[in-house]
Amino acid sequence: MTTELWIDRLPSGLGDLLLVSDGAALCALDFADCEARLLTLLKKRFAAVTLTPCPNPQGFSDRLRAYLAGDLHSLDGVRVNPGGTAFQQQVWGLLRQIPAGTVATYGELAAKLGKPTAYRAVGLANSLNPVAIALPCHRVIGTQGQLTGYAGGLARKRWLLHHEGVTLPDERESPAQGQLCLGL
């Protein structure tokens, strides 16, 4: 059985963004140059999918545009349906509790889950987050305040944090170099 999903492509200063809806909730949001990753995650979840172009499904595109224009809370109430395991859903739920303009560490999230040694598992769950920006994994940093992995690349993670008013301790060093679209 093929699942029909709706997709919109939005130009942005970060590159084109791909927004995918199931008709009721946002189930994927990624960068266009990471489309292969997006498709892999969707196929793992739905097996067979058809992506039908749809401008502004459920108003999600407008809310993303508002976020990029400076309304940092425009995505707070967006309904998401990321799938994932029970553990991934717990981690992704915690991401939504990190307010815009602040950051948390992988260890802090693991401790909130009652599993203080599970920071690596939290990192792995973050790397598989299918709904970038709305499930703000970009707000998770290393223990020493350093930027760590981001599937869309560390330059984008830095941009998103700056957009939200976050200055990191490692800003005094050379800009972090990151490879775009980490593989699965």
Protein backbone atom coordinates (compact mmCIF):
# COMPACT_ATOMS: atom_id res chain seq x y z
CA MET A 1 0.00 0.00 0.00
CA THR A 2 1.31 3.43 -0.94
CA THR A 3 0.94 6.32 1.50
CA GLU A 4 0.20 9.70 -0.07
CA LEU A 5 1.99 12.60 1.58
CA TRP A 6 1.98 16.27 0.64
CA ILE A 7 5.22 18.15 0.01
CA ASP A 8 6.07 21.82 -0.28
CA ARG A 9 9.43 23.33 -1.23
CA LEU A 10 10.30 26.64 0.41
CA PRO A 11 13.24 28.81 -0.55
CA SER A 12 15.18 30.17 2.43
CA GLY A 13 18.53 31.66 3.36
CA LEU A 14 19.53 28.14 4.45
CA GLY A 15 18.73 26.69 1.04
CA ASP A 16 15.45 25.19 -0.07
CA LEU A 17 13.47 23.42 2.64
CA LEU A 18 11.26 20.39 2.04
CA LEU A 19 8.16 20.20 4.20
CA VAL A 20 6.11 16.97 4.19
CA SER A 21 2.62 16.60 5.67
CA ASP A 22 0.38 13.58 6.15
CA GLY A 23 -2.68 15.84 5.82
CA ALA A 24 -2.97 16.52 9.54
CA ALA A 25 0.55 16.84 10.92
CA LEU A 26 4.08 17.64 9.83
CA CYS A 27 5.90 14.33 9.35
CA ALA A 28 9.16 15.56 7.76
CA LEU A 29 11.07 18.80 7.36
CA ASP A 30 14.55 18.81 5.88
CA PHE A 31 16.89 20.68 3.58
CA ALA A 32 16.55 20.06 -0.17
CA ASP A 33 20.18 18.99 -0.48
CA CYS A 34 19.32 16.30 2.12
CA GLU A 35 16.41 14.95 0.07
CA ALA A 36 17.93 11.46 -0.10
CA ARG A 37 17.99 11.33 3.71
CA LEU A 38 14.40 12.56 3.88
CA LEU A 39 13.25 9.91 1.40
CA THR A 40 15.15 7.18 3.26
CA LEU A 41 13.48 8.10 6.55
CA LEU A 42 10.04 8.26 4.92
CA LYS A 43 10.51 4.88 3.21
CA LYS A 44 11.65 3.27 6.48
CA ARG A 45 8.48 4.53 8.08
CA PHE A 46 5.86 4.16 5.36
CA ALA A 47 7.48 1.60 2.98
CA ALA A 48 5.97 3.12 -0.17
CA VAL A 49 5.18 6.82 -0.45
CA THR A 50 3.88 9.20 -3.08
CA LEU A 51 4.86 12.82 -2.56
CA THR A 52 2.22 15.12 -4.03
CA PRO A 53 3.18 18.80 -4.40
CA CYS A 54 0.95 21.01 -2.25
CA PRO A 55 1.58 24.67 -1.49
CA ASN A 56 1.37 25.45 2.23
CA PRO A 57 -0.19 22.19 3.52
CA GLN A 58 -2.25 22.87 6.67
CA GLY A 59 -0.59 26.31 6.85
CA PHE A 60 2.71 24.72 7.91
CA SER A 61 4.74 26.52 5.24
CA ASP A 62 3.47 29.91 6.41
CA ARG A 63 4.44 29.06 9.97
CA LEU A 64 7.93 28.03 8.86
CA ARG A 65 8.27 31.28 6.90
CA ALA A 66 7.22 33.20 10.02
CA TYR A 67 9.91 31.40 12.06
CA LEU A 68 12.56 32.26 9.48
CA ALA A 69 11.34 35.88 9.47
CA GLY A 70 11.90 36.13 13.22
CA ASP A 71 8.74 34.81 14.92
CA LEU A 72 10.62 32.20 16.94
CA HIS A 73 7.44 30.79 18.47
CA SER A 74 5.48 30.26 15.25
CA LEU A 75 6.37 26.55 15.15
CA ASP A 76 5.69 25.85 18.84
CA GLY A 77 2.16 24.55 18.32
CA VAL A 78 2.68 22.84 14.98
CA ARG A 79 1.35 19.30 15.14
CA VAL A 80 4.08 16.78 14.30
CA ASN A 81 3.93 13.09 13.50
CA PRO A 82 7.57 11.96 13.29
CA GLY A 83 7.04 8.24 13.85
CA GLY A 84 10.06 6.62 15.50
CA THR A 85 10.57 4.29 18.42
CA ALA A 86 9.19 5.01 21.89
CA PHE A 87 12.66 6.20 22.99
CA GLN A 88 13.04 8.47 19.94
CA GLN A 89 9.61 9.95 20.60
CA GLN A 90 10.62 10.68 24.21
CA VAL A 91 13.79 12.43 23.07
CA TRP A 92 12.00 14.37 20.32
CA GLY A 93 9.34 15.40 22.83
CA LEU A 94 12.05 16.85 25.08
CA LEU A 95 13.38 18.88 22.15
CA ARG A 96 10.13 20.84 22.06
CA GLN A 97 10.67 21.76 25.72
CA ILE A 98 13.92 23.60 24.94
CA PRO A 99 12.81 27.23 24.51
CA ALA A 100 13.95 29.22 21.48
CA GLY A 101 17.10 31.12 22.32
CA THR A 102 18.41 28.48 24.71
CA VAL A 103 20.34 25.24 24.39
CA ALA A 104 20.63 21.95 26.26
CA THR A 105 23.28 19.24 26.20
CA TYR A 106 22.82 15.60 25.27
CA GLY A 107 23.63 14.72 28.89
CA GLU A 108 20.95 17.06 30.22
CA LEU A 109 18.35 15.46 27.97
CA ALA A 110 19.47 11.97 29.02
CA ALA A 111 19.16 12.99 32.68
CA LYS A 112 15.62 14.33 32.07
CA LEU A 113 14.75 10.91 30.68
CA GLY A 114 16.03 9.32 33.89
CA LYS A 115 18.88 7.71 31.96
CA PRO A 116 21.91 9.94 32.67
CA THR A 117 24.38 7.64 30.88
CA ALA A 118 22.27 7.47 27.70
CA TYR A 119 23.65 10.68 26.16
CA ARG A 120 24.96 8.78 23.12
CA ALA A 121 21.52 7.23 22.55
CA VAL A 122 20.03 10.73 22.81
CA GLY A 123 22.53 11.88 20.18
CA LEU A 124 21.58 9.01 17.89
CA ALA A 125 17.87 9.81 18.29
CA ASN A 126 18.63 13.44 17.41
CA SER A 127 20.47 12.36 14.27
CA LEU A 128 17.33 10.53 13.10
CA ASN A 129 14.95 13.42 13.78
CA PRO A 130 12.82 13.67 10.62
CA VAL A 131 11.30 17.07 11.47
CA ALA A 132 14.18 19.56 11.60
CA ILE A 133 13.58 23.00 13.10
CA ALA A 134 10.05 22.18 14.40
CA LEU A 135 11.59 19.46 16.59
CA PRO A 136 14.57 21.70 17.40
CA CYS A 137 17.49 19.29 17.59
CA HIS A 138 19.68 22.24 16.57
CA ARG A 139 19.30 23.44 20.19
CA VAL A 140 21.28 20.46 21.51
CA ILE A 141 25.01 21.01 21.94
CA GLY A 142 28.03 19.27 23.44
CA THR A 143 28.87 19.32 27.14
CA GLN A 144 31.50 22.03 26.73
CA GLY A 145 29.15 24.27 24.74
CA GLN A 146 30.55 23.19 21.38
CA LEU A 147 28.55 22.55 18.24
CA THR A 148 28.23 18.87 17.54
CA GLY A 149 26.64 16.94 14.70
CA TYR A 150 23.66 18.19 12.75
CA ALA A 151 22.26 16.30 9.77
CA GLY A 152 21.84 19.56 7.83
CA GLY A 153 25.44 20.59 8.56
CA LEU A 154 27.05 22.57 11.36
CA ALA A 155 26.91 25.83 9.39
CA ARG A 156 23.11 25.57 9.36
CA LYS A 157 23.00 24.62 13.04
CA ARG A 158 25.09 27.70 13.84
CA TRP A 159 22.81 29.87 11.67
CA LEU A 160 19.66 28.58 13.42
CA LEU A 161 21.17 29.19 16.86
CA HIS A 162 22.29 32.71 15.88
CA HIS A 163 18.82 33.33 14.44
CA GLU A 164 17.43 32.50 17.88
CA GLY A 165 19.99 34.75 19.63
CA VAL A 166 22.30 32.03 20.98
CA THR A 167 26.03 32.76 21.24
CA LEU A 168 28.19 29.74 21.95
CA PRO A 169 31.49 29.60 23.87
CA ASP A 170 33.26 28.18 20.79
CA GLU A 171 32.41 31.34 18.78
CA ARG A 172 35.87 32.65 19.60
CA GLU A 173 37.35 29.77 17.62
CA SER A 174 37.25 29.29 13.89
CA PRO A 175 33.80 28.48 12.50
CA ALA A 176 32.87 24.83 12.77
CA GLN A 177 33.13 22.91 9.54
CA GLY A 178 30.49 20.31 8.97
CA GLN A 179 29.59 17.89 6.27
CA LEU A 180 26.09 18.39 4.99
CA CYS A 181 23.45 15.65 5.22
CA LEU A 182 24.93 12.96 7.38
CA GLY A 183 24.21 9.54 5.95
CA LEU A 184 22.02 6.95 7.61
